[in-house]
């Protein structure tokens, strides 16, 4: 699997998360090294997770994912997912966000 195919898999997963209003979880990606780190929550973060995908040819994809609490006192709002994807090929970088249930 190459970096382009993997980016497409990640975008498809994000699209599913947006449609179902769910949190992001990286799908299984074959023939790459994946490291998942839960990072300390800051501010309104409910979850802060980093995914590092390293390809045998030296290419990489780093994903920074946050699930944020948008609630304020006396106000009920859905949580918000925010994702930033950075690659060894900068033209593939992107960011996205969506409301969760």
C-alpha atoms as a PDB file:
ATOM      1  CA  UNK A   1       0.000   0.000   0.000  1.00  0.00           C
ATOM      2  CA  UNK A   2       1.368   3.429  -0.896  1.00  0.00           C
ATOM      3  CA  UNK A   3       0.862   6.882   0.632  1.00  0.00           C
ATOM      4  CA  UNK A   4      -1.876   7.846  -1.877  1.00  0.00           C
ATOM      5  CA  UNK A   5      -3.945   4.717  -1.200  1.00  0.00           C
ATOM      6  CA  UNK A   6      -3.525   5.230   2.533  1.00  0.00           C
ATOM      7  CA  UNK A   7      -4.635   8.881   2.351  1.00  0.00           C
ATOM      8  CA  UNK A   8      -7.749   7.730   0.474  1.00  0.00           C
ATOM      9  CA  UNK A   9      -8.499   5.148   3.194  1.00  0.00           C
ATOM     10  CA  UNK A  10      -8.101   7.850   5.875  1.00  0.00           C
ATOM     11  CA  UNK A  11     -10.379  10.255   3.959  1.00  0.00           C
ATOM     12  CA  UNK A  12     -13.009   7.499   3.535  1.00  0.00           C
ATOM     13  CA  UNK A  13     -12.874   6.800   7.284  1.00  0.00           C
ATOM     14  CA  UNK A  14     -13.249  10.524   8.081  1.00  0.00           C
ATOM     15  CA  UNK A  15     -16.236  10.709   5.718  1.00  0.00           C
ATOM     16  CA  UNK A  16     -17.884   7.767   7.536  1.00  0.00           C
ATOM     17  CA  UNK A  17     -17.215   9.469  10.883  1.00  0.00           C
ATOM     18  CA  UNK A  18     -18.748  12.724   9.624  1.00  0.00           C
ATOM     19  CA  UNK A  19     -21.869  10.926   8.357  1.00  0.00           C
ATOM     20  CA  UNK A  20     -22.356   8.887  11.534  1.00  0.00           C
ATOM     21  CA  UNK A  21     -21.204  11.701  13.881  1.00  0.00           C
ATOM     22  CA  UNK A  22     -18.674   9.339  15.476  1.00  0.00           C
ATOM     23  CA  UNK A  23     -15.137   9.787  16.767  1.00  0.00           C
ATOM     24  CA  UNK A  24     -12.233   8.922  14.446  1.00  0.00           C
ATOM     25  CA  UNK A  25     -10.387   5.632  14.747  1.00  0.00           C
ATOM     26  CA  UNK A  26      -7.721   4.665  12.238  1.00  0.00           C
ATOM     27  CA  UNK A  27      -8.749   1.627  10.179  1.00  0.00           C
ATOM     28  CA  UNK A  28      -6.358  -1.281   9.724  1.00  0.00           C
ATOM     29  CA  UNK A  29      -3.689  -0.403   7.162  1.00  0.00           C
ATOM     30  CA  UNK A  30      -1.473  -3.219   5.882  1.00  0.00           C
ATOM     31  CA  UNK A  31       2.278  -3.264   5.219  1.00  0.00           C
ATOM     32  CA  UNK A  32       3.043  -0.079   7.186  1.00  0.00           C
ATOM     33  CA  UNK A  33       4.268   0.647  10.693  1.00  0.00           C
ATOM     34  CA  UNK A  34       1.572   2.371  12.767  1.00  0.00           C
ATOM     35  CA  UNK A  35       2.262   3.920  16.176  1.00  0.00           C
ATOM     36  CA  UNK A  36      -0.670   5.249  18.223  1.00  0.00           C
ATOM     37  CA  UNK A  37      -0.017   7.643  21.110  1.00  0.00           C
ATOM     38  CA  UNK A  38      -2.620   8.976  23.532  1.00  0.00           C
ATOM     39  CA  UNK A  39      -1.471  12.486  24.365  1.00  0.00           C
ATOM     40  CA  UNK A  40      -2.319  14.610  27.424  1.00  0.00           C
ATOM     41  CA  UNK A  41      -5.635  16.418  27.175  1.00  0.00           C
ATOM     42  CA  UNK A  42      -5.483  20.185  27.250  1.00  0.00           C
ATOM     43  CA  UNK A  43      -8.341  22.649  27.670  1.00  0.00           C
ATOM     44  CA  UNK A  44     -11.557  21.271  26.200  1.00  0.00           C
ATOM     45  CA  UNK A  45      -9.961  18.046  24.878  1.00  0.00           C
ATOM     46  CA  UNK A  46     -11.810  14.851  25.757  1.00  0.00           C
ATOM     47  CA  UNK A  47      -9.334  12.804  23.719  1.00  0.00           C
ATOM     48  CA  UNK A  48      -6.055  13.756  22.038  1.00  0.00           C
ATOM     49  CA  UNK A  49      -4.505  10.992  19.938  1.00  0.00           C
ATOM     50  CA  UNK A  50      -1.625  10.897  17.499  1.00  0.00           C
ATOM     51  CA  UNK A  51      -1.195   8.307  14.747  1.00  0.00           C
ATOM     52  CA  UNK A  52       2.175   7.906  13.034  1.00  0.00           C
ATOM     53  CA  UNK A  53       2.195   5.842   9.857  1.00  0.00           C
ATOM     54  CA  UNK A  54       5.616   5.019   8.427  1.00  0.00           C
ATOM     55  CA  UNK A  55       6.054   3.387   5.025  1.00  0.00           C
ATOM     56  CA  UNK A  56       8.990   1.112   4.093  1.00  0.00           C
ATOM     57  CA  UNK A  57      10.168   3.652   1.466  1.00  0.00           C
ATOM     58  CA  UNK A  58      10.561   6.427   4.084  1.00  0.00           C
ATOM     59  CA  UNK A  59       7.257   8.217   3.367  1.00  0.00           C
ATOM     60  CA  UNK A  60       5.075   9.049   6.376  1.00  0.00           C
ATOM     61  CA  UNK A  61       1.655  10.276   7.481  1.00  0.00           C
ATOM     62  CA  UNK A  62       1.114  11.894  10.885  1.00  0.00           C
ATOM     63  CA  UNK A  63      -2.435  12.366  12.155  1.00  0.00           C
ATOM     64  CA  UNK A  64      -3.271  14.645  15.083  1.00  0.00           C
ATOM     65  CA  UNK A  65      -6.825  13.962  16.326  1.00  0.00           C
ATOM     66  CA  UNK A  66      -8.812  15.777  19.023  1.00  0.00           C
ATOM     67  CA  UNK A  67     -12.289  15.170  20.381  1.00  0.00           C
ATOM     68  CA  UNK A  68     -13.293  18.446  22.009  1.00  0.00           C
ATOM     69  CA  UNK A  69     -16.043  19.263  24.493  1.00  0.00           C
ATOM     70  CA  UNK A  70     -18.113  22.197  23.239  1.00  0.00           C
ATOM     71  CA  UNK A  71     -20.498  22.231  26.214  1.00  0.00           C
ATOM     72  CA  UNK A  72     -20.812  25.294  28.366  1.00  0.00           C
ATOM     73  CA  UNK A  73     -22.856  25.718  31.529  1.00  0.00           C
ATOM     74  CA  UNK A  74     -26.591  25.513  30.770  1.00  0.00           C
ATOM     75  CA  UNK A  75     -25.881  24.707  27.130  1.00  0.00           C
ATOM     76  CA  UNK A  76     -25.877  21.296  25.448  1.00  0.00           C
ATOM     77  CA  UNK A  77     -23.773  21.044  22.296  1.00  0.00           C
ATOM     78  CA  UNK A  78     -22.356  17.986  20.554  1.00  0.00           C
ATOM     79  CA  UNK A  79     -18.664  17.312  20.985  1.00  0.00           C
ATOM     80  CA  UNK A  80     -16.451  18.251  18.045  1.00  0.00           C
ATOM     81  CA  UNK A  81     -13.852  16.119  16.257  1.00  0.00           C
ATOM     82  CA  UNK A  82     -10.865  17.962  14.784  1.00  0.00           C
ATOM     83  CA  UNK A  83      -8.251  16.183  12.676  1.00  0.00           C
ATOM     84  CA  UNK A  84      -5.025  17.358  11.060  1.00  0.00           C
ATOM     85  CA  UNK A  85      -3.145  15.134   8.594  1.00  0.00           C
ATOM     86  CA  UNK A  86       0.450  15.927   7.609  1.00  0.00           C
ATOM     87  CA  UNK A  87       2.477  13.879   5.134  1.00  0.00           C
ATOM     88  CA  UNK A  88       5.963  13.597   3.714  1.00  0.00           C
ATOM     89  CA  UNK A  89       4.314  14.905   0.533  1.00  0.00           C
ATOM     90  CA  UNK A  90       2.905  18.295   1.655  1.00  0.00           C
ATOM     91  CA  UNK A  91       0.345  18.481  -1.163  1.00  0.00           C
ATOM     92  CA  UNK A  92      -1.517  15.643   0.595  1.00  0.00           C
ATOM     93  CA  UNK A  93      -1.856  17.548   3.910  1.00  0.00           C
ATOM     94  CA  UNK A  94      -5.387  18.407   5.027  1.00  0.00           C
ATOM     95  CA  UNK A  95      -7.546  19.264   8.027  1.00  0.00           C
ATOM     96  CA  UNK A  96     -11.181  18.500   8.780  1.00  0.00           C
ATOM     97  CA  UNK A  97     -13.705  18.676  11.618  1.00  0.00           C
ATOM     98  CA  UNK A  98     -17.230  17.454  12.384  1.00  0.00           C
ATOM     99  CA  UNK A  99     -19.798  17.328  15.169  1.00  0.00           C
ATOM    100  CA  UNK A 100     -20.126  14.124  17.182  1.00  0.00           C
ATOM    101  CA  UNK A 101     -23.311  12.636  18.641  1.00  0.00           C
END
